[in-house]
Protein backbone atom coordinates (compact mmCIF):
# COMPACT_ATOMS: atom_id res chain seq x y z
CA UNK A 1 65.50 -14.66 76.12
CA UNK A 2 62.20 -14.21 77.35
CA UNK A 3 59.08 -15.47 73.88
CA UNK A 4 58.59 -11.64 72.81
CA UNK A 5 61.67 -10.98 72.60
CA UNK A 6 62.44 -13.40 70.30
CA UNK A 7 59.44 -13.22 68.48
CA UNK A 8 60.60 -8.89 67.85
CA UNK A 9 63.73 -10.40 67.43
CA UNK A 10 61.96 -13.18 64.31
CA UNK A 11 59.79 -10.21 62.76
CA UNK A 12 62.90 -7.63 62.36
CA UNK A 13 64.00 -7.43 58.69
CA UNK A 14 67.56 -6.20 56.64
CA UNK A 15 67.77 -6.54 52.33
CA UNK A 16 70.45 -5.52 51.24
CA UNK A 17 70.58 -5.07 47.20
CA UNK A 18 73.59 -4.51 45.37
CA UNK A 19 73.09 -3.39 41.18
CA UNK A 20 75.86 -2.88 39.34
CA UNK A 21 76.30 0.07 36.73
CA UNK A 22 79.28 0.06 34.11
CA UNK A 23 80.56 3.82 33.25
CA UNK A 24 81.38 3.99 30.10
CA UNK A 25 84.06 6.14 28.05
CA UNK A 26 87.55 5.60 27.05
CA UNK A 27 88.74 2.45 28.30
CA UNK A 28 90.55 3.24 30.63
CA UNK A 29 87.79 5.81 32.10
CA UNK A 30 85.80 2.34 32.21
CA UNK A 31 84.56 1.79 35.44
CA UNK A 32 82.70 -0.20 37.75
CA UNK A 33 79.75 1.85 39.97
CA UNK A 34 77.74 -0.51 42.44
CA UNK A 35 74.24 1.13 43.52
CA UNK A 36 73.15 -0.13 47.23
CA UNK A 37 69.80 -0.05 47.86
CA UNK A 38 69.14 -1.31 51.95
CA UNK A 39 65.71 -2.02 53.49
CA UNK A 40 65.48 -2.76 57.01
CA UNK A 41 62.71 -1.95 59.37
CA UNK A 42 65.38 -2.21 62.33
CA UNK A 43 64.88 0.11 65.11
CA UNK A 44 69.38 0.91 65.09
CA UNK A 45 69.04 2.40 61.48
CA UNK A 46 68.10 5.99 61.30
CA UNK A 47 66.59 5.48 57.61
CA UNK A 48 63.77 2.99 56.91
CA UNK A 49 65.12 2.97 53.21
CA UNK A 50 68.59 4.03 51.63
CA UNK A 51 70.15 4.22 47.68
CA UNK A 52 73.38 5.25 47.67
CA UNK A 53 76.98 4.23 45.65
CA UNK A 54 80.01 2.63 46.35
CA UNK A 55 83.42 1.66 45.24
CA UNK A 56 85.03 -1.06 45.10
CA UNK A 57 87.32 0.63 47.94
CA UNK A 58 84.45 1.79 49.95
CA UNK A 59 83.75 -1.28 50.93
CA UNK A 60 87.30 -2.61 51.55
CA UNK A 61 87.46 0.51 54.01
CA UNK A 62 84.12 -0.34 55.49
CA UNK A 63 86.42 -3.54 56.49
CA UNK A 64 89.31 -2.07 57.65
CA UNK A 65 87.66 0.23 59.31
CA UNK A 66 85.11 -3.04 60.73
CA UNK A 67 88.32 -5.28 62.36
CA UNK A 68 90.45 -1.65 63.59
CA UNK A 69 87.40 -1.08 65.99
CA UNK A 70 84.96 -3.05 66.56
CA UNK A 71 84.42 -7.10 67.61
CA UNK A 72 83.57 -8.85 65.34
CA UNK A 73 84.86 -11.82 62.85
CA UNK A 74 84.64 -9.86 59.45
CA UNK A 75 84.20 -11.79 56.54
CA UNK A 76 86.80 -11.49 53.29
CA UNK A 77 86.12 -9.08 50.17
CA UNK A 78 85.64 -11.74 46.88
CA UNK A 79 88.72 -10.49 46.71
CA UNK A 80 90.46 -8.45 44.21
CA UNK A 81 90.69 -7.90 39.74
CA UNK A 82 94.46 -7.51 39.44
CA UNK A 83 95.41 -10.45 37.02
CA UNK A 84 91.96 -9.38 35.02
CA UNK A 85 93.44 -5.23 34.73
CA UNK A 86 96.20 -6.92 32.64
CA UNK A 87 96.20 -5.84 28.93
CA UNK A 88 96.55 -8.37 26.08
CA UNK A 89 94.01 -10.11 28.16
CA UNK A 90 91.73 -12.66 25.81
CA UNK A 91 88.91 -11.67 27.71
CA UNK A 92 87.42 -8.64 28.32
CA UNK A 93 88.93 -8.35 32.37
CA UNK A 94 86.94 -6.80 35.19
CA UNK A 95 84.25 -6.02 32.47
CA UNK A 96 83.23 -9.94 31.83
CA UNK A 97 79.24 -10.51 32.52
CA UNK A 98 80.41 -13.62 35.27
CA UNK A 99 83.02 -11.33 36.59
CA UNK A 100 80.87 -8.84 37.80
CA UNK A 101 77.86 -11.13 38.98
CA UNK A 102 79.97 -12.52 41.00
CA UNK A 103 81.87 -10.05 42.45
CA UNK A 104 78.27 -8.32 42.73
CA UNK A 105 77.14 -11.25 44.41
CA UNK A 106 80.67 -11.22 47.34
CA UNK A 107 79.93 -7.98 47.96
CA UNK A 108 75.77 -8.30 48.82
CA UNK A 109 76.72 -11.46 50.66
CA UNK A 110 79.54 -9.64 52.82
CA UNK A 111 77.53 -7.29 53.73
CA UNK A 112 74.86 -9.05 54.46
CA UNK A 113 76.51 -10.62 56.82
CA UNK A 114 78.79 -7.62 58.56
CA UNK A 115 75.03 -6.09 59.16
CA UNK A 116 73.67 -8.79 60.26
CA UNK A 117 76.00 -8.51 62.88
CA UNK A 118 74.24 -6.89 66.56
CA UNK A 119 77.19 -5.80 67.18
CA UNK A 120 77.90 -4.47 63.82
CA UNK A 121 74.46 -2.78 63.38
CA UNK A 122 76.06 0.26 66.72
CA UNK A 123 79.61 1.12 64.29
CA UNK A 124 78.66 4.28 63.42
CA UNK A 125 80.70 3.42 59.66
CA UNK A 126 78.48 0.84 58.71
CA UNK A 127 76.30 3.57 59.61
CA UNK A 128 77.95 5.64 57.05
CA UNK A 129 78.06 2.68 54.40
CA UNK A 130 74.80 1.65 54.31
CA UNK A 131 73.17 5.11 54.34
CA UNK A 132 74.93 8.62 54.04
CA UNK A 133 76.17 9.88 50.19
CA UNK A 134 79.42 10.31 50.70
CA UNK A 135 81.79 8.16 53.46
CA UNK A 136 83.64 11.25 55.07
CA UNK A 137 87.09 9.42 56.15
CA UNK A 138 87.75 12.00 58.76
CA UNK A 139 84.78 10.43 60.67
CA UNK A 140 84.96 10.14 64.90
CA UNK A 141 84.53 6.38 65.11
CA UNK A 142 81.60 4.55 67.24
CA UNK A 143 78.69 3.40 68.27
CA UNK A 144 75.24 4.55 67.19
CA UNK A 145 72.99 6.13 69.67
CA UNK A 146 69.34 5.29 69.10
C-alpha cells in the first residue's frame, strides 16, 4: 500500500453507538428499543451522521443478509433471551439492567466489526440498516455505488 493511501485510511473514522430505551406499559407491551447513532467520514456512506431506531430482530435481519450475500465472515450476535422471558422468574428477565447493558455492548461490538470491514461497507443492507429510517425487507441486494 502506498504511504499516501495508508495515511488517508488512518484518518477515516467510524463510530457507532447504541442507546437503549425501555417503553413502558402493560408487561406484555414492554419493549426494548435501540437507537443507533452513526458518525463517520468514510466516503462510502452518503450520510456522515445518522440516528435510527432498531430492534434485535433488525440486527438478526442484517446478519442473515450479510451471510447470504457477502463474502465475509459475519460475527455472532449476542444470544436470544428466551429463558429470560419465562414467567415466575426471580428477576426482571429481559428488563434487568445488567442484561440490557450486556446486550447493548454485544450489539455495538457486532455492528462495529461489520461496519469496519471494507467488504461489508459496500453492502446495500448495511447502509439501509445504519442510515435509513425503515428497513425495506424487499430490497434488491447488491453493492453500493459511490
